[in-house]
N, C-alpha and C. Protein backbone atom coordinates (compact mmCIF):
# COMPACT_ATOMS: atom_id res chain seq x y z
N UNK A 1 143.02 160.31 95.22
CA UNK A 1 144.09 159.98 94.31
C UNK A 1 145.40 160.48 94.90
N UNK A 2 146.47 159.74 94.64
CA UNK A 2 147.80 160.13 95.09
C UNK A 2 148.41 161.08 94.06
N UNK A 3 148.93 162.20 94.53
CA UNK A 3 149.48 163.22 93.63
C UNK A 3 150.89 163.57 94.09
N UNK A 4 151.82 163.58 93.15
CA UNK A 4 153.19 164.01 93.43
C UNK A 4 153.29 165.49 93.12
N UNK A 5 153.73 166.28 94.09
CA UNK A 5 153.86 167.71 93.91
C UNK A 5 155.18 167.99 93.19
N UNK A 6 155.10 168.78 92.12
CA UNK A 6 156.31 169.15 91.38
C UNK A 6 156.35 170.67 91.24
N UNK A 7 157.52 171.18 90.88
CA UNK A 7 157.70 172.63 90.72
C UNK A 7 157.08 173.08 89.41
N UNK A 8 156.31 174.14 89.49
CA UNK A 8 155.73 174.75 88.30
C UNK A 8 156.56 175.95 87.89
N UNK A 9 155.96 176.87 87.19
CA UNK A 9 156.66 178.10 86.79
C UNK A 9 156.80 179.01 88.01
N UNK A 10 157.95 179.67 88.10
CA UNK A 10 158.18 180.57 89.22
C UNK A 10 158.18 179.81 90.53
N UNK A 11 157.40 180.30 91.47
CA UNK A 11 157.32 179.66 92.79
C UNK A 11 156.11 178.74 92.92
N UNK A 12 155.40 178.50 91.83
CA UNK A 12 154.18 177.71 91.91
C UNK A 12 154.48 176.22 92.02
N UNK A 13 153.49 175.49 92.53
CA UNK A 13 153.57 174.03 92.58
C UNK A 13 152.40 173.47 91.79
N UNK A 14 152.67 172.37 91.10
CA UNK A 14 151.66 171.73 90.27
C UNK A 14 151.87 170.22 90.34
N UNK A 15 151.14 169.51 89.52
CA UNK A 15 151.40 168.11 89.22
C UNK A 15 150.89 167.88 87.81
N UNK A 16 150.96 166.65 87.34
CA UNK A 16 150.49 166.33 85.99
C UNK A 16 149.71 165.02 86.01
N UNK A 17 148.66 164.99 85.20
CA UNK A 17 147.93 163.75 84.95
C UNK A 17 148.71 162.97 83.89
N UNK A 18 148.44 161.68 83.77
CA UNK A 18 149.10 160.88 82.73
C UNK A 18 148.80 161.40 81.33
N UNK A 19 147.62 162.00 81.15
CA UNK A 19 147.26 162.52 79.84
C UNK A 19 147.87 163.90 79.55
N UNK A 20 148.67 164.42 80.48
CA UNK A 20 149.37 165.68 80.27
C UNK A 20 148.69 166.89 80.90
N UNK A 21 147.44 166.74 81.33
CA UNK A 21 146.77 167.88 81.95
C UNK A 21 147.47 168.28 83.24
N UNK A 22 147.46 169.56 83.50
CA UNK A 22 148.07 170.10 84.72
C UNK A 22 147.11 169.89 85.89
N UNK A 23 147.68 169.53 87.03
CA UNK A 23 146.92 169.45 88.27
C UNK A 23 147.30 170.67 89.09
N UNK A 24 146.30 171.45 89.47
CA UNK A 24 146.49 172.61 90.34
C UNK A 24 145.93 172.29 91.72
N UNK A 25 146.53 172.86 92.74
CA UNK A 25 146.08 172.64 94.11
C UNK A 25 145.27 173.83 94.59
N UNK A 26 144.16 173.55 95.27
CA UNK A 26 143.30 174.60 95.82
C UNK A 26 144.09 175.37 96.88
N UNK A 27 144.38 176.64 96.60
CA UNK A 27 145.19 177.46 97.51
C UNK A 27 144.45 177.78 98.81
N UNK A 28 143.13 177.64 98.83
CA UNK A 28 142.35 177.93 100.04
C UNK A 28 142.32 176.75 101.00
N UNK A 29 142.83 175.61 100.58
CA UNK A 29 142.86 174.42 101.43
C UNK A 29 143.89 174.63 102.54
N UNK A 30 143.57 174.28 103.80
CA UNK A 30 144.51 174.48 104.90
C UNK A 30 145.83 173.71 104.73
N UNK A 31 145.82 172.62 104.00
CA UNK A 31 147.02 171.80 103.81
C UNK A 31 147.93 172.40 102.74
N UNK A 32 147.42 173.33 101.93
CA UNK A 32 148.20 173.90 100.83
C UNK A 32 149.56 174.42 101.29
N UNK A 33 149.62 175.03 102.45
CA UNK A 33 150.88 175.62 102.94
C UNK A 33 151.94 174.56 103.25
N UNK A 34 151.55 173.29 103.39
CA UNK A 34 152.49 172.21 103.68
C UNK A 34 153.06 171.57 102.41
N UNK A 35 152.52 171.93 101.25
CA UNK A 35 152.94 171.32 100.00
C UNK A 35 154.22 171.94 99.49
N UNK A 36 155.09 171.09 98.95
CA UNK A 36 156.34 171.55 98.33
C UNK A 36 156.75 170.47 97.32
N UNK A 37 157.57 170.82 96.35
CA UNK A 37 158.00 169.82 95.36
C UNK A 37 158.64 168.60 96.03
N UNK A 38 158.28 167.43 95.53
CA UNK A 38 158.86 166.19 96.02
C UNK A 38 158.03 165.46 97.06
N UNK A 39 156.91 166.05 97.49
CA UNK A 39 156.06 165.34 98.44
C UNK A 39 154.88 164.73 97.70
N UNK A 40 154.29 163.75 98.31
CA UNK A 40 153.13 163.05 97.76
C UNK A 40 151.95 163.36 98.68
N UNK A 41 150.79 163.65 98.10
CA UNK A 41 149.64 164.01 98.91
C UNK A 41 148.38 163.33 98.37
N UNK A 42 147.56 162.82 99.29
CA UNK A 42 146.26 162.28 98.90
C UNK A 42 145.34 163.46 98.66
N UNK A 43 144.63 163.41 97.52
CA UNK A 43 143.78 164.53 97.12
C UNK A 43 142.48 164.04 96.52
N UNK A 44 141.50 164.93 96.54
CA UNK A 44 140.24 164.64 95.83
C UNK A 44 140.05 165.71 94.77
N UNK A 45 139.48 165.31 93.67
CA UNK A 45 139.24 166.23 92.55
C UNK A 45 138.07 167.13 92.92
N UNK A 46 138.29 168.45 92.78
CA UNK A 46 137.20 169.38 93.07
C UNK A 46 136.69 170.09 91.82
N UNK A 47 137.50 170.10 90.73
CA UNK A 47 137.06 170.74 89.49
C UNK A 47 137.83 170.14 88.33
N UNK A 48 137.13 169.86 87.23
CA UNK A 48 137.77 169.34 86.02
C UNK A 48 137.46 170.27 84.86
N UNK A 49 138.51 170.71 84.18
CA UNK A 49 138.37 171.52 82.96
C UNK A 49 139.06 170.76 81.83
N UNK A 50 138.97 171.28 80.64
CA UNK A 50 139.56 170.60 79.48
C UNK A 50 141.07 170.48 79.61
N UNK A 51 141.75 171.52 80.11
CA UNK A 51 143.21 171.53 80.14
C UNK A 51 143.83 171.40 81.53
N UNK A 52 143.02 171.40 82.57
CA UNK A 52 143.57 171.31 83.92
C UNK A 52 142.55 170.71 84.88
N UNK A 53 143.05 170.34 86.05
CA UNK A 53 142.23 169.78 87.12
C UNK A 53 142.63 170.48 88.40
N UNK A 54 141.66 170.78 89.25
CA UNK A 54 141.96 171.35 90.57
C UNK A 54 141.65 170.28 91.61
N UNK A 55 142.60 170.08 92.52
CA UNK A 55 142.41 169.09 93.58
C UNK A 55 142.52 169.75 94.95
N UNK A 56 141.90 169.10 95.93
CA UNK A 56 141.99 169.50 97.32
C UNK A 56 142.75 168.41 98.07
N UNK A 57 143.87 168.76 98.72
CA UNK A 57 144.56 167.77 99.55
C UNK A 57 143.64 167.35 100.69
N UNK A 58 143.63 166.04 101.01
CA UNK A 58 142.76 165.56 102.09
C UNK A 58 143.54 165.01 103.28
N UNK A 59 144.87 164.97 103.17
CA UNK A 59 145.70 164.56 104.30
C UNK A 59 147.07 165.20 104.15
N UNK A 60 147.80 165.32 105.25
CA UNK A 60 149.14 165.93 105.16
C UNK A 60 150.02 165.18 104.17
N UNK A 61 150.96 165.89 103.54
CA UNK A 61 151.81 165.25 102.54
C UNK A 61 152.78 164.24 103.13
N UNK A 62 153.17 163.28 102.29
CA UNK A 62 154.14 162.26 102.66
C UNK A 62 155.43 162.53 101.90
N UNK A 63 156.54 162.23 102.55
CA UNK A 63 157.83 162.35 101.90
C UNK A 63 158.50 160.98 101.93
N UNK A 64 159.68 160.89 101.43
CA UNK A 64 160.44 159.65 101.52
C UNK A 64 160.32 158.78 100.30
N UNK A 65 160.54 157.49 100.51
CA UNK A 65 160.67 156.53 99.43
C UNK A 65 159.39 156.44 98.59
N UNK A 66 158.23 156.45 99.21
CA UNK A 66 156.99 156.31 98.44
C UNK A 66 156.80 157.49 97.49
N UNK A 67 157.13 158.70 97.93
CA UNK A 67 157.03 159.87 97.05
C UNK A 67 158.03 159.76 95.91
N UNK A 68 159.23 159.29 96.22
CA UNK A 68 160.26 159.12 95.19
C UNK A 68 159.81 158.09 94.16
N UNK A 69 159.25 156.97 94.63
CA UNK A 69 158.80 155.92 93.73
C UNK A 69 157.67 156.40 92.82
N UNK A 70 156.77 157.21 93.37
CA UNK A 70 155.69 157.75 92.55
C UNK A 70 156.26 158.64 91.45
N UNK A 71 157.22 159.48 91.79
CA UNK A 71 157.87 160.33 90.79
C UNK A 71 158.57 159.51 89.72
N UNK A 72 159.24 158.43 90.12
CA UNK A 72 159.92 157.56 89.16
C UNK A 72 158.92 156.87 88.23
N UNK A 73 157.78 156.43 88.79
CA UNK A 73 156.75 155.80 87.95
C UNK A 73 156.23 156.81 86.92
N UNK A 74 156.05 158.07 87.34
CA UNK A 74 155.59 159.09 86.41
C UNK A 74 156.63 159.31 85.30
N UNK A 75 157.90 159.36 85.65
CA UNK A 75 158.96 159.54 84.65
C UNK A 75 159.08 158.35 83.72
N UNK A 76 158.84 157.15 84.24
CA UNK A 76 158.98 155.96 83.40
C UNK A 76 157.94 155.92 82.29
N UNK A 77 156.86 156.69 82.44
CA UNK A 77 155.82 156.76 81.42
C UNK A 77 156.01 157.97 80.49
N UNK A 78 157.13 158.64 80.65
CA UNK A 78 157.43 159.84 79.87
C UNK A 78 157.71 159.51 78.41
N UNK A 79 157.49 160.48 77.53
CA UNK A 79 157.83 160.33 76.12
C UNK A 79 159.33 160.42 75.90
N UNK A 80 160.04 160.99 76.87
CA UNK A 80 161.49 161.10 76.79
C UNK A 80 162.08 159.74 77.18
N UNK A 81 162.49 158.94 76.21
CA UNK A 81 162.89 157.57 76.48
C UNK A 81 164.12 157.49 77.37
N UNK A 82 165.02 158.47 77.29
CA UNK A 82 166.20 158.44 78.16
C UNK A 82 165.81 158.58 79.62
N UNK A 83 164.90 159.51 79.90
CA UNK A 83 164.42 159.69 81.28
C UNK A 83 163.62 158.47 81.74
N UNK A 84 162.85 157.88 80.83
CA UNK A 84 162.06 156.70 81.18
C UNK A 84 162.97 155.53 81.56
N UNK A 85 164.02 155.30 80.77
CA UNK A 85 164.95 154.20 81.06
C UNK A 85 165.69 154.46 82.36
N UNK A 86 166.13 155.68 82.57
CA UNK A 86 166.85 156.03 83.79
C UNK A 86 165.96 155.84 85.02
N UNK A 87 164.72 156.28 84.94
CA UNK A 87 163.82 156.13 86.08
C UNK A 87 163.52 154.66 86.36
N UNK A 88 163.41 153.85 85.32
CA UNK A 88 163.18 152.42 85.53
C UNK A 88 164.39 151.77 86.19
N UNK A 89 165.59 152.20 85.83
CA UNK A 89 166.81 151.66 86.43
C UNK A 89 166.88 152.03 87.91
N UNK A 90 166.56 153.26 88.23
CA UNK A 90 166.59 153.69 89.63
C UNK A 90 165.53 152.94 90.43
N UNK A 91 164.36 152.75 89.84
CA UNK A 91 163.29 152.00 90.52
C UNK A 91 163.75 150.57 90.79
N UNK A 92 164.44 149.96 89.84
CA UNK A 92 164.97 148.61 90.01
C UNK A 92 165.94 148.56 91.20
N UNK A 93 166.81 149.54 91.29
CA UNK A 93 167.78 149.58 92.39
C UNK A 93 167.06 149.73 93.73
N UNK A 94 166.06 150.59 93.80
CA UNK A 94 165.30 150.76 95.04
C UNK A 94 164.63 149.45 95.43
N UNK A 95 164.02 148.77 94.46
CA UNK A 95 163.36 147.50 94.75
C UNK A 95 164.35 146.44 95.23
N UNK A 96 165.57 146.44 94.70
CA UNK A 96 166.57 145.49 95.15
C UNK A 96 166.95 145.77 96.62
N UNK A 97 167.11 147.03 96.97
CA UNK A 97 167.41 147.38 98.36
C UNK A 97 166.26 147.05 99.29
N UNK A 98 165.04 147.26 98.82
CA UNK A 98 163.87 146.93 99.65
C UNK A 98 163.79 145.43 99.90
N UNK A 99 164.22 144.63 98.92
CA UNK A 99 164.20 143.18 99.07
C UNK A 99 165.22 142.68 100.08
N UNK A 100 166.22 143.49 100.39
CA UNK A 100 167.26 143.10 101.35
C UNK A 100 166.79 143.26 102.79
N UNK A 101 165.78 144.11 103.00
CA UNK A 101 165.36 144.34 104.38
C UNK A 101 164.34 143.38 104.88
């Protein structure tokens, strides 16, 4: 599964499932040290609990437009309608620029 890394509390990094559960990254994974907010990483689920999920990154993280688009898609599904509309507008602009190339 593709996971967007976001900033958690303090210096921690997390992500979120669509249902609101927190995604935690296995700190013992060798790729963990490469993770930072704003990158996208392919991961496999290693543990599922009621309130959280632990994943193991399976490839180095990706940055750039694809990570940004994943973050915008996550925001567009937010309960905060202002953020959802703004993220959809930004996604539209990115798609228009991509169509020019």
